[in-house]
C-alpha atoms as a PDB file:
ATOM      1  CA  MET A   1     226.995   7.499 -16.272  1.00  0.00           C
ATOM      2  CA  SER A   2     226.722   8.637 -20.425  1.00  0.00           C
ATOM      3  CA  HIS A   3     223.832  10.757 -21.162  1.00  0.00           C
ATOM      4  CA  SER A   4     221.815   8.337 -22.245  1.00  0.00           C
ATOM      5  CA  ALA A   5     221.893   6.380 -19.411  1.00  0.00           C
ATOM      6  CA  GLU A   6     220.996   8.821 -17.579  1.00  0.00           C
ATOM      7  CA  ASN A   7     217.708  10.240 -19.283  1.00  0.00           C
ATOM      8  CA  ALA A   8     217.265   6.148 -20.335  1.00  0.00           C
ATOM      9  CA  PRO A   9     213.574   5.107 -19.119  1.00  0.00           C
ATOM     10  CA  LEU A  10     213.319   3.900 -15.309  1.00  0.00           C
ATOM     11  CA  PRO A  11     212.669   0.385 -14.660  1.00  0.00           C
ATOM     12  CA  VAL A  12     208.984  -0.291 -13.814  1.00  0.00           C
ATOM     13  CA  MET A  13     208.531  -2.351 -10.530  1.00  0.00           C
ATOM     14  CA  ALA A  14     205.691  -2.295  -7.817  1.00  0.00           C
ATOM     15  CA  LYS A  15     207.116  -1.749  -4.325  1.00  0.00           C
ATOM     16  CA  SER A  16     205.581  -5.303  -3.641  1.00  0.00           C
ATOM     17  CA  ALA A  17     207.498  -7.043  -6.448  1.00  0.00           C
ATOM     18  CA  ALA A  18     210.747  -4.948  -5.068  1.00  0.00           C
ATOM     19  CA  GLN A  19     210.348  -6.083  -1.513  1.00  0.00           C
ATOM     20  CA  ASP A  20     209.634  -9.905  -2.640  1.00  0.00           C
ATOM     21  CA  TRP A  21     212.425  -9.973  -4.902  1.00  0.00           C
ATOM     22  CA  ALA A  22     215.391  -8.516  -2.310  1.00  0.00           C
ATOM     23  CA  GLN A  23     213.604 -10.905   0.080  1.00  0.00           C
ATOM     24  CA  HIS A  24     214.038 -13.752  -1.946  1.00  0.00           C
ATOM     25  CA  MET A  25     217.507 -12.627  -3.022  1.00  0.00           C
ATOM     26  CA  THR A  26     218.552 -12.152   0.702  1.00  0.00           C
ATOM     27  CA  ALA A  27     217.307 -15.686   1.448  1.00  0.00           C
ATOM     28  CA  TYR A  28     219.522 -17.115  -1.183  1.00  0.00           C
ATOM     29  CA  MET A  29     222.179 -15.685  -0.448  1.00  0.00           C
ATOM     30  CA  ALA A  30     222.026 -16.851   3.171  1.00  0.00           C
ATOM     31  CA  GLN A  31     220.878 -20.427   1.907  1.00  0.00           C
ATOM     32  CA  ARG A  32     224.036 -20.657   0.157  1.00  0.00           C
ATOM     33  CA  ALA A  33     226.094 -19.140   2.808  1.00  0.00           C
ATOM     34  CA  GLY A  34     224.700 -22.003   5.368  1.00  0.00           C
ATOM     35  CA  PHE A  35     222.953 -19.940   7.994  1.00  0.00           C
ATOM     36  CA  ARG A  36     219.111 -18.914   8.634  1.00  0.00           C
ATOM     37  CA  LEU A  37     218.035 -15.547   8.516  1.00  0.00           C
ATOM     38  CA  THR A  38     216.268 -13.793  11.751  1.00  0.00           C
ATOM     39  CA  GLU A  39     212.425 -12.819  10.445  1.00  0.00           C
ATOM     40  CA  SER A  40     212.039 -10.018  13.081  1.00  0.00           C
ATOM     41  CA  SER A  41     215.342  -8.305  11.904  1.00  0.00           C
ATOM     42  CA  VAL A  42     213.564  -7.482   8.382  1.00  0.00           C
ATOM     43  CA  ASN A  43     213.750  -4.047   7.297  1.00  0.00           C
ATOM     44  CA  PRO A  44     212.828  -2.919   4.433  1.00  0.00           C
ATOM     45  CA  HIS A  45     212.762   0.843   3.839  1.00  0.00           C
ATOM     46  CA  PHE A  46     211.095   2.571   0.947  1.00  0.00           C
ATOM     47  CA  SER A  47     212.630   6.090   0.368  1.00  0.00           C
ATOM     48  CA  PRO A  48     211.560   8.435  -2.963  1.00  0.00           C
ATOM     49  CA  CYS A  49     214.369   8.851  -5.271  1.00  0.00           C
ATOM     50  CA  VAL A  50     216.441  12.368  -5.037  1.00  0.00           C
ATOM     51  CA  GLY A  51     217.473  13.856  -8.559  1.00  0.00           C
ATOM     52  CA  ARG A  52     220.753  15.341  -8.912  1.00  0.00           C
ATOM     53  CA  ARG A  53     220.055  18.688  -7.946  1.00  0.00           C
ATOM     54  CA  ASP A  54     217.836  17.127  -4.908  1.00  0.00           C
ATOM     55  CA  GLU A  55     214.632  17.295  -6.969  1.00  0.00           C
ATOM     56  CA  LEU A  56     211.389  15.308  -6.471  1.00  0.00           C
ATOM     57  CA  ALA A  57     209.367  13.805  -9.165  1.00  0.00           C
ATOM     58  CA  ASN A  58     205.711  13.466  -8.137  1.00  0.00           C
ATOM     59  CA  ASP A  59     204.907  10.445  -9.889  1.00  0.00           C
ATOM     60  CA  GLY A  60     205.567   7.786  -6.930  1.00  0.00           C
ATOM     61  CA  ARG A  61     209.221   6.274  -8.276  1.00  0.00           C
ATOM     62  CA  TYR A  62     211.236   4.953  -4.696  1.00  0.00           C
ATOM     63  CA  SER A  63     213.863   3.000  -4.532  1.00  0.00           C
ATOM     64  CA  LEU A  64     214.768   0.221  -1.597  1.00  0.00           C
ATOM     65  CA  SER A  65     217.005  -0.606   1.252  1.00  0.00           C
ATOM     66  CA  TYR A  66     215.908  -3.808   2.533  1.00  0.00           C
ATOM     67  CA  SER A  67     218.330  -5.344   5.535  1.00  0.00           C
ATOM     68  CA  VAL A  68     217.908  -8.512   7.726  1.00  0.00           C
ATOM     69  CA  SER A  69     220.091 -10.396   9.650  1.00  0.00           C
ATOM     70  CA  GLY A  70     221.064 -13.994  10.800  1.00  0.00           C
ATOM     71  CA  SER A  71     222.985 -15.549  13.070  1.00  0.00           C
ATOM     72  CA  VAL A  72     226.649 -16.712  12.233  1.00  0.00           C
ATOM     73  CA  PRO A  73     229.391 -17.520  14.868  1.00  0.00           C
ATOM     74  CA  LEU A  74     231.961 -14.890  14.239  1.00  0.00           C
ATOM     75  CA  ALA A  75     235.093 -17.379  13.133  1.00  0.00           C
ATOM     76  CA  GLN A  76     232.504 -18.255   9.948  1.00  0.00           C
ATOM     77  CA  HIS A  77     232.236 -14.677   8.579  1.00  0.00           C
ATOM     78  CA  PRO A  78     235.074 -14.753   6.275  1.00  0.00           C
ATOM     79  CA  ASP A  79     233.661 -18.119   4.756  1.00  0.00           C
ATOM     80  CA  ALA A  80     229.862 -17.139   5.083  1.00  0.00           C
ATOM     81  CA  VAL A  81     230.952 -13.711   2.882  1.00  0.00           C
ATOM     82  CA  ARG A  82     233.013 -15.517   0.379  1.00  0.00           C
ATOM     83  CA  ARG A  83     230.247 -18.066  -0.294  1.00  0.00           C
ATOM     84  CA  ILE A  84     228.125 -14.984  -0.966  1.00  0.00           C
ATOM     85  CA  ARG A  85     230.845 -13.521  -3.098  1.00  0.00           C
ATOM     86  CA  ASP A  86     231.117 -16.617  -5.072  1.00  0.00           C
ATOM     87  CA  LEU A  87     227.412 -16.582  -5.496  1.00  0.00           C
ATOM     88  CA  LEU A  88     227.334 -13.052  -7.086  1.00  0.00           C
ATOM     89  CA  LYS A  89     229.711 -13.568  -9.203  1.00  0.00           C
ATOM     90  CA  GLU A  90     228.309 -16.651 -10.976  1.00  0.00           C
ATOM     91  CA  ARG A  91     225.153 -13.848 -11.042  1.00  0.00           C
ATOM     92  CA  GLY A  92     227.268 -11.267 -12.907  1.00  0.00           C
ATOM     93  CA  PHE A  93     227.456  -8.886 -10.176  1.00  0.00           C
ATOM     94  CA  GLU A  94     230.929  -7.333  -9.849  1.00  0.00           C
ATOM     95  CA  VAL A  95     232.933  -6.710  -6.563  1.00  0.00           C
ATOM     96  CA  GLY A  96     233.395  -3.727  -5.463  1.00  0.00           C
ATOM     97  CA  SER A  97     234.953  -3.932  -1.495  1.00  0.00           C
ATOM     98  CA  TYR A  98     235.931  -7.086   0.077  1.00  0.00           C
ATOM     99  CA  ARG A  99     237.605  -7.576   3.060  1.00  0.00           C
ATOM    100  CA  GLU A 100     237.416 -10.719   5.816  1.00  0.00           C
ATOM    101  CA  THR A 101     239.880  -9.002   8.676  1.00  0.00           C
ATOM    102  CA  ALA A 102     240.023  -5.607  10.154  1.00  0.00           C
ATOM    103  CA  ALA A 103     242.979  -4.717  12.518  1.00  0.00           C
ATOM    104  CA  ASP A 104     240.899  -6.196  15.618  1.00  0.00           C
ATOM    105  CA  GLY A 105     239.934  -9.162  13.837  1.00  0.00           C
ATOM    106  CA  ILE A 106     237.327 -10.689  11.872  1.00  0.00           C
ATOM    107  CA  ASP A 107     235.049  -7.497  10.634  1.00  0.00           C
ATOM    108  CA  ALA A 108     233.477  -8.943   7.192  1.00  0.00           C
ATOM    109  CA  LEU A 109     232.552  -6.877   4.493  1.00  0.00           C
ATOM    110  CA  LEU A 110     231.361  -7.544   1.273  1.00  0.00           C
ATOM    111  CA  ASP A 111     229.580  -5.018  -1.046  1.00  0.00           C
ATOM    112  CA  ALA A 112     228.905  -5.606  -5.320  1.00  0.00           C
ATOM    113  CA  ARG A 113     226.778  -4.027  -7.732  1.00  0.00           C
ATOM    114  CA  GLU A 114     225.220  -5.482 -10.840  1.00  0.00           C
ATOM    115  CA  PRO A 115     225.602  -3.208 -14.193  1.00  0.00           C
ATOM    116  CA  THR A 116     222.613  -3.586 -16.103  1.00  0.00           C
ATOM    117  CA  SER A 117     219.901  -3.168 -13.260  1.00  0.00           C
ATOM    118  CA  ARG A 118     222.605  -1.083 -10.972  1.00  0.00           C
ATOM    119  CA  TYR A 119     221.108  -3.066  -8.348  1.00  0.00           C
ATOM    120  CA  LEU A 120     223.696  -3.160  -4.935  1.00  0.00           C
ATOM    121  CA  VAL A 121     224.154  -5.931  -2.759  1.00  0.00           C
ATOM    122  CA  SER A 122     226.033  -6.256   0.238  1.00  0.00           C
ATOM    123  CA  ALA A 123     226.997  -8.530   3.348  1.00  0.00           C
ATOM    124  CA  GLU A 124     228.555  -7.388   6.338  1.00  0.00           C
ATOM    125  CA  THR A 125     229.341  -8.325  10.140  1.00  0.00           C
ATOM    126  CA  ALA A 126     227.247  -5.553  12.103  1.00  0.00           C
ATOM    127  CA  GLY A 127     224.417  -5.788  14.835  1.00  0.00           C
ATOM    128  CA  GLY A 128     226.682  -7.910  17.041  1.00  0.00           C
ATOM    129  CA  PRO A 129     228.960 -10.256  16.936  1.00  0.00           C
ATOM    130  CA  ASP A 130     227.353 -13.021  16.105  1.00  0.00           C
ATOM    131  CA  ARG A 131     225.145 -11.121  13.499  1.00  0.00           C
ATOM    132  CA  LEU A 132     225.731 -11.123   9.626  1.00  0.00           C
ATOM    133  CA  LEU A 133     223.442  -8.363   7.626  1.00  0.00           C
ATOM    134  CA  LEU A 134     222.730  -8.696   4.189  1.00  0.00           C
ATOM    135  CA  THR A 135     221.248  -5.926   2.097  1.00  0.00           C
ATOM    136  CA  VAL A 136     219.819  -5.365  -1.063  1.00  0.00           C
ATOM    137  CA  SER A 137     219.688  -1.843  -2.406  1.00  0.00           C
ATOM    138  CA  THR A 138     217.675  -0.947  -5.865  1.00  0.00           C
ATOM    139  CA  PRO A 139     218.235   1.581  -8.229  1.00  0.00           C
ATOM    140  CA  CYS A 140     215.190   4.141  -8.580  1.00  0.00           C
ATOM    141  CA  LEU A 141     212.177   2.328  -9.668  1.00  0.00           C
ATOM    142  CA  LEU A 142     208.586   3.465 -11.672  1.00  0.00           C
ATOM    143  CA  PRO A 143     205.703   2.336  -9.887  1.00  0.00           C
ATOM    144  CA  PRO A 144     203.288   0.835 -12.419  1.00  0.00           C
ATOM    145  CA  THR A 145     200.367   2.957 -12.270  1.00  0.00           C
ATOM    146  CA  ALA A 146     202.916   5.675 -12.483  1.00  0.00           C
ATOM    147  CA  ALA A 147     204.745   4.371 -15.824  1.00  0.00           C
ATOM    148  CA  GLY A 148     201.221   3.968 -17.420  1.00  0.00           C
ATOM    149  CA  ALA A 149     200.124   7.114 -17.037  1.00  0.00           C
ATOM    150  CA  ALA A 150     203.095   9.027 -18.471  1.00  0.00           C
ATOM    151  CA  GLY A 151     203.800   6.389 -20.981  1.00  0.00           C
ATOM    152  CA  THR A 152     207.824   5.180 -20.037  1.00  0.00           C
ATOM    153  CA  GLY A 153     209.732   2.830 -18.172  1.00  0.00           C
ATOM    154  CA  SER A 154     210.622  -0.670 -18.710  1.00  0.00           C
ATOM    155  CA  ALA A 155     209.375  -3.568 -16.827  1.00  0.00           C
ATOM    156  CA  SER A 156     212.008  -5.323 -14.703  1.00  0.00           C
ATOM    157  CA  SER A 157     212.129  -8.219 -12.306  1.00  0.00           C
ATOM    158  CA  GLY A 158     215.467  -7.461 -10.415  1.00  0.00           C
ATOM    159  CA  PRO A 159     218.655  -9.279 -11.359  1.00  0.00           C
ATOM    160  CA  ALA A 160     218.028 -13.570 -11.635  1.00  0.00           C
ATOM    161  CA  THR A 161     219.001 -14.894  -8.703  1.00  0.00           C
ATOM    162  CA  GLY A 162     218.562 -18.712  -9.495  1.00  0.00           C
END
């Protein structure tokens, strides 16, 4: 990462908007892959941003890791992950990791990153043989109240979902 990118203002987004975007993105991924998400499996996890030298700012900056799973027969995991990969590529995400099988059988995995916003998205066989887990992770975001007080940051709505 360049020095200017390291010091660029953080994107501004309320926690509720970040969670709404992650929910919308995972629902869109599941729809494209042809399966339904299990609402009881939703797990939003907000955490404070930690700097390179383990410093914590006292301005409310945070990141979100949002996960949700759905029931998909194991034999269909490769096709579902392929469809999600195609969707993400259409939306400008760069695929970092991809597999459909491992040595012991079907074990789908997809990791992708949106280069401008730095959002991370993954889909993987996890939580049981019929479970496909979708995860969205945000970069460090600044809540609007902190951005207004600091006079920095840029409004963000996350990468386009469709």
